[in-house]
Amino acid sequence: MPRKIHINKYQGNTHYSVTVEDSYNQEHHLGYYNDLSPEILSEIEADAEMLWQNEVKYEPSSMDKAIAACVELDKNSGLYFTDSRGNHRDGLD
């Protein structure tokens, strides 16, 4: 049951991105914070605990599956890639 809180700050960014991973390896984005004071960290921990207490395994819809299949087709055809900044691009813009 890997339950984790991920706090990331990307180079050149002024805010922290906070995501929580539940026991089903699903990520839940809690928000962006410009500082990590003890009060903010307590709030993040409380929100994470609430998510973990109410975990539900997400089942992808048929639309989700169709989009994933389209992305896979793009990858196989060379249209989908990640640029130097880590952004996903479709090669069409």
N, C-alpha and C. Protein backbone atom coordinates (compact mmCIF):
# COMPACT_ATOMS: atom_id res chain seq x y z
N MET A 1 0.84 -1.19 0.00
CA MET A 1 0.00 0.00 0.00
C MET A 1 0.88 1.25 0.00
N PRO A 2 1.38 1.65 -1.15
CA PRO A 2 2.25 2.82 -1.19
C PRO A 2 1.44 4.12 -1.16
N ARG A 3 1.20 4.63 -0.01
CA ARG A 3 0.52 5.91 0.11
C ARG A 3 1.59 6.97 0.30
N LYS A 4 1.59 7.97 -0.59
CA LYS A 4 2.66 8.97 -0.55
C LYS A 4 2.10 10.35 -0.80
N ILE A 5 2.81 11.33 -0.27
CA ILE A 5 2.55 12.73 -0.59
C ILE A 5 3.75 13.23 -1.38
N HIS A 6 3.50 13.74 -2.58
CA HIS A 6 4.56 14.26 -3.44
C HIS A 6 4.47 15.78 -3.46
N ILE A 7 5.58 16.44 -3.11
CA ILE A 7 5.66 17.90 -3.18
C ILE A 7 6.79 18.23 -4.14
N ASN A 8 6.44 18.87 -5.25
CA ASN A 8 7.42 19.19 -6.29
C ASN A 8 7.47 20.69 -6.54
N LYS A 9 8.65 21.17 -6.80
CA LYS A 9 8.84 22.55 -7.22
C LYS A 9 9.75 22.51 -8.44
N TYR A 10 9.22 22.90 -9.56
CA TYR A 10 9.99 22.84 -10.79
C TYR A 10 10.92 24.04 -10.90
N GLN A 11 12.03 23.84 -11.58
CA GLN A 11 13.05 24.89 -11.72
C GLN A 11 12.43 26.15 -12.31
N GLY A 12 12.69 27.27 -11.67
CA GLY A 12 12.18 28.55 -12.12
C GLY A 12 10.75 28.83 -11.70
N ASN A 13 10.11 27.93 -10.99
CA ASN A 13 8.74 28.11 -10.57
C ASN A 13 8.72 28.66 -9.14
N THR A 14 7.68 29.41 -8.81
CA THR A 14 7.58 29.98 -7.47
C THR A 14 6.62 29.22 -6.56
N HIS A 15 5.93 28.21 -7.09
CA HIS A 15 4.95 27.47 -6.31
C HIS A 15 5.29 25.99 -6.26
N TYR A 16 4.79 25.35 -5.22
CA TYR A 16 4.94 23.91 -5.05
C TYR A 16 3.66 23.22 -5.52
N SER A 17 3.80 22.13 -6.23
CA SER A 17 2.67 21.32 -6.65
C SER A 17 2.58 20.12 -5.71
N VAL A 18 1.38 19.87 -5.18
CA VAL A 18 1.20 18.79 -4.21
C VAL A 18 0.23 17.76 -4.76
N THR A 19 0.70 16.51 -4.83
CA THR A 19 -0.15 15.39 -5.23
C THR A 19 -0.05 14.30 -4.18
N VAL A 20 -1.11 13.52 -4.07
CA VAL A 20 -1.18 12.41 -3.12
C VAL A 20 -1.40 11.14 -3.92
N GLU A 21 -0.66 10.11 -3.57
CA GLU A 21 -0.80 8.80 -4.21
C GLU A 21 -1.49 7.86 -3.23
N ASP A 22 -2.55 7.19 -3.70
CA ASP A 22 -3.28 6.29 -2.80
C ASP A 22 -2.79 4.84 -2.98
N SER A 23 -3.42 3.92 -2.29
CA SER A 23 -2.97 2.53 -2.31
C SER A 23 -3.23 1.84 -3.65
N TYR A 24 -4.03 2.45 -4.52
CA TYR A 24 -4.26 1.92 -5.87
C TYR A 24 -3.32 2.55 -6.89
N ASN A 25 -2.30 3.29 -6.42
CA ASN A 25 -1.34 4.01 -7.27
C ASN A 25 -2.01 5.08 -8.12
N GLN A 26 -3.11 5.63 -7.65
CA GLN A 26 -3.80 6.72 -8.33
C GLN A 26 -3.33 8.03 -7.71
N GLU A 27 -3.09 9.03 -8.55
CA GLU A 27 -2.63 10.32 -8.06
C GLU A 27 -3.80 11.30 -7.98
N HIS A 28 -3.81 12.09 -6.90
CA HIS A 28 -4.83 13.11 -6.68
C HIS A 28 -4.10 14.43 -6.44
N HIS A 29 -4.36 15.43 -7.28
CA HIS A 29 -3.69 16.71 -7.13
C HIS A 29 -4.41 17.54 -6.07
N LEU A 30 -3.66 17.98 -5.06
CA LEU A 30 -4.26 18.78 -3.99
C LEU A 30 -4.18 20.27 -4.24
N GLY A 31 -3.26 20.70 -5.08
CA GLY A 31 -3.19 22.13 -5.39
C GLY A 31 -1.77 22.64 -5.46
N TYR A 32 -1.69 23.96 -5.58
CA TYR A 32 -0.40 24.65 -5.65
C TYR A 32 -0.27 25.55 -4.43
N TYR A 33 0.93 25.59 -3.86
CA TYR A 33 1.19 26.40 -2.67
C TYR A 33 2.46 27.21 -2.89
N ASN A 34 2.44 28.47 -2.42
CA ASN A 34 3.63 29.30 -2.60
C ASN A 34 4.59 29.22 -1.42
N ASP A 35 4.18 28.61 -0.33
CA ASP A 35 5.11 28.35 0.78
C ASP A 35 4.68 27.07 1.47
N LEU A 36 5.56 26.53 2.28
CA LEU A 36 5.28 25.28 2.99
C LEU A 36 5.45 25.49 4.48
N SER A 37 4.66 26.39 5.01
CA SER A 37 4.70 26.64 6.45
C SER A 37 4.14 25.42 7.19
N PRO A 38 4.40 25.33 8.47
CA PRO A 38 3.86 24.18 9.24
C PRO A 38 2.34 24.07 9.15
N GLU A 39 1.65 25.22 9.08
CA GLU A 39 0.18 25.19 8.97
C GLU A 39 -0.24 24.58 7.63
N ILE A 40 0.44 24.96 6.56
CA ILE A 40 0.13 24.43 5.23
C ILE A 40 0.42 22.93 5.19
N LEU A 41 1.55 22.52 5.76
CA LEU A 41 1.89 21.10 5.77
C LEU A 41 0.86 20.29 6.56
N SER A 42 0.35 20.84 7.65
CA SER A 42 -0.70 20.17 8.43
C SER A 42 -1.97 20.02 7.60
N GLU A 43 -2.30 21.07 6.86
CA GLU A 43 -3.49 21.04 5.99
C GLU A 43 -3.33 19.98 4.89
N ILE A 44 -2.16 19.92 4.29
CA ILE A 44 -1.88 18.93 3.25
C ILE A 44 -2.00 17.52 3.82
N GLU A 45 -1.44 17.31 5.00
CA GLU A 45 -1.50 15.99 5.63
C GLU A 45 -2.93 15.60 5.97
N ALA A 46 -3.73 16.55 6.45
CA ALA A 46 -5.13 16.27 6.77
C ALA A 46 -5.92 15.92 5.51
N ASP A 47 -5.68 16.66 4.42
CA ASP A 47 -6.36 16.37 3.15
C ASP A 47 -5.96 14.99 2.63
N ALA A 48 -4.68 14.65 2.77
CA ALA A 48 -4.21 13.34 2.33
C ALA A 48 -4.87 12.23 3.16
N GLU A 49 -4.95 12.41 4.45
CA GLU A 49 -5.58 11.41 5.31
C GLU A 49 -7.05 11.21 4.92
N MET A 50 -7.75 12.31 4.60
CA MET A 50 -9.15 12.21 4.20
C MET A 50 -9.28 11.42 2.89
N LEU A 51 -8.38 11.68 1.95
CA LEU A 51 -8.39 10.93 0.69
C LEU A 51 -8.14 9.45 0.94
N TRP A 52 -7.18 9.15 1.79
CA TRP A 52 -6.83 7.76 2.06
C TRP A 52 -7.95 7.02 2.78
N GLN A 53 -8.70 7.71 3.62
CA GLN A 53 -9.81 7.07 4.32
C GLN A 53 -10.98 6.75 3.40
N ASN A 54 -11.09 7.51 2.29
CA ASN A 54 -12.22 7.35 1.38
C ASN A 54 -11.77 6.87 0.00
N GLU A 55 -10.76 6.01 -0.05
CA GLU A 55 -10.23 5.54 -1.33
C GLU A 55 -11.24 4.69 -2.09
N VAL A 56 -11.29 4.92 -3.39
CA VAL A 56 -12.12 4.13 -4.29
C VAL A 56 -11.29 3.87 -5.53
N LYS A 57 -11.25 2.63 -5.97
CA LYS A 57 -10.48 2.32 -7.18
C LYS A 57 -11.21 2.90 -8.38
N TYR A 58 -10.47 3.70 -9.14
CA TYR A 58 -11.02 4.36 -10.32
C TYR A 58 -11.06 3.38 -11.49
N GLU A 59 -12.19 3.23 -12.08
CA GLU A 59 -12.34 2.39 -13.26
C GLU A 59 -12.48 3.31 -14.47
N PRO A 60 -11.58 3.20 -15.44
CA PRO A 60 -11.65 4.09 -16.60
C PRO A 60 -12.91 3.87 -17.43
N SER A 61 -13.49 4.97 -17.90
CA SER A 61 -14.68 4.89 -18.74
C SER A 61 -14.28 4.51 -20.16
N SER A 62 -15.26 4.26 -20.99
CA SER A 62 -14.96 3.92 -22.39
C SER A 62 -14.31 5.10 -23.10
N MET A 63 -14.66 6.33 -22.72
CA MET A 63 -14.03 7.52 -23.31
C MET A 63 -12.55 7.58 -22.91
N ASP A 64 -12.25 7.29 -21.64
CA ASP A 64 -10.86 7.27 -21.18
C ASP A 64 -10.05 6.24 -21.96
N LYS A 65 -10.63 5.08 -22.17
CA LYS A 65 -9.94 4.03 -22.90
C LYS A 65 -9.71 4.43 -24.36
N ALA A 66 -10.69 5.10 -24.96
CA ALA A 66 -10.55 5.55 -26.35
C ALA A 66 -9.45 6.59 -26.49
N ILE A 67 -9.39 7.54 -25.55
CA ILE A 67 -8.35 8.56 -25.58
C ILE A 67 -6.97 7.93 -25.39
N ALA A 68 -6.87 6.97 -24.47
CA ALA A 68 -5.59 6.29 -24.25
C ALA A 68 -5.16 5.54 -25.51
N ALA A 69 -6.11 4.94 -26.21
CA ALA A 69 -5.79 4.24 -27.44
C ALA A 69 -5.29 5.22 -28.51
N CYS A 70 -5.90 6.42 -28.57
CA CYS A 70 -5.46 7.44 -29.54
C CYS A 70 -4.04 7.91 -29.21
N VAL A 71 -3.76 8.11 -27.93
CA VAL A 71 -2.42 8.53 -27.52
C VAL A 71 -1.40 7.45 -27.90
N GLU A 72 -1.76 6.20 -27.69
CA GLU A 72 -0.86 5.10 -28.04
C GLU A 72 -0.61 5.06 -29.54
N LEU A 73 -1.64 5.31 -30.34
CA LEU A 73 -1.46 5.39 -31.79
C LEU A 73 -0.50 6.52 -32.17
N ASP A 74 -0.66 7.67 -31.52
CA ASP A 74 0.23 8.80 -31.77
C ASP A 74 1.68 8.46 -31.43
N LYS A 75 1.87 7.77 -30.29
CA LYS A 75 3.23 7.38 -29.89
C LYS A 75 3.84 6.45 -30.92
N ASN A 76 3.06 5.48 -31.36
CA ASN A 76 3.57 4.50 -32.33
C ASN A 76 3.88 5.13 -33.68
N SER A 77 3.18 6.21 -34.02
CA SER A 77 3.42 6.85 -35.32
C SER A 77 4.42 8.00 -35.22
N GLY A 78 4.92 8.29 -34.01
CA GLY A 78 5.93 9.32 -33.84
C GLY A 78 5.38 10.73 -33.69
N LEU A 79 4.08 10.88 -33.51
CA LEU A 79 3.48 12.21 -33.35
C LEU A 79 3.52 12.72 -31.91
N TYR A 80 3.62 11.83 -30.97
CA TYR A 80 3.52 12.18 -29.55
C TYR A 80 4.91 12.08 -28.92
N PHE A 81 5.37 13.15 -28.30
CA PHE A 81 6.69 13.14 -27.68
C PHE A 81 6.72 14.12 -26.52
N THR A 82 7.81 14.11 -25.78
CA THR A 82 8.01 15.02 -24.66
C THR A 82 9.12 15.98 -25.02
N ASP A 83 8.86 17.30 -24.86
CA ASP A 83 9.89 18.28 -25.21
C ASP A 83 10.90 18.43 -24.08
N SER A 84 11.86 19.32 -24.26
CA SER A 84 12.95 19.48 -23.28
C SER A 84 12.47 19.98 -21.93
N ARG A 85 11.27 20.57 -21.86
CA ARG A 85 10.72 21.07 -20.60
C ARG A 85 9.82 20.06 -19.91
N GLY A 86 9.66 18.88 -20.52
CA GLY A 86 8.84 17.85 -19.91
C GLY A 86 7.38 17.91 -20.31
N ASN A 87 7.03 18.80 -21.26
CA ASN A 87 5.66 18.92 -21.72
C ASN A 87 5.39 17.91 -22.82
N HIS A 88 4.22 17.34 -22.78
CA HIS A 88 3.84 16.37 -23.82
C HIS A 88 3.31 17.14 -25.02
N ARG A 89 3.80 16.80 -26.19
CA ARG A 89 3.41 17.47 -27.43
C ARG A 89 2.88 16.42 -28.40
N ASP A 90 2.01 16.86 -29.29
CA ASP A 90 1.48 15.93 -30.28
C ASP A 90 2.11 16.11 -31.66
N GLY A 91 3.03 17.03 -31.80
CA GLY A 91 3.73 17.23 -33.06
C GLY A 91 2.88 17.90 -34.12
N LEU A 92 1.70 18.37 -33.74
CA LEU A 92 0.80 19.00 -34.71
C LEU A 92 0.70 20.51 -34.56
N ASP A 93 1.35 21.08 -33.56
CA ASP A 93 1.26 22.53 -33.36
C ASP A 93 2.52 23.24 -33.77
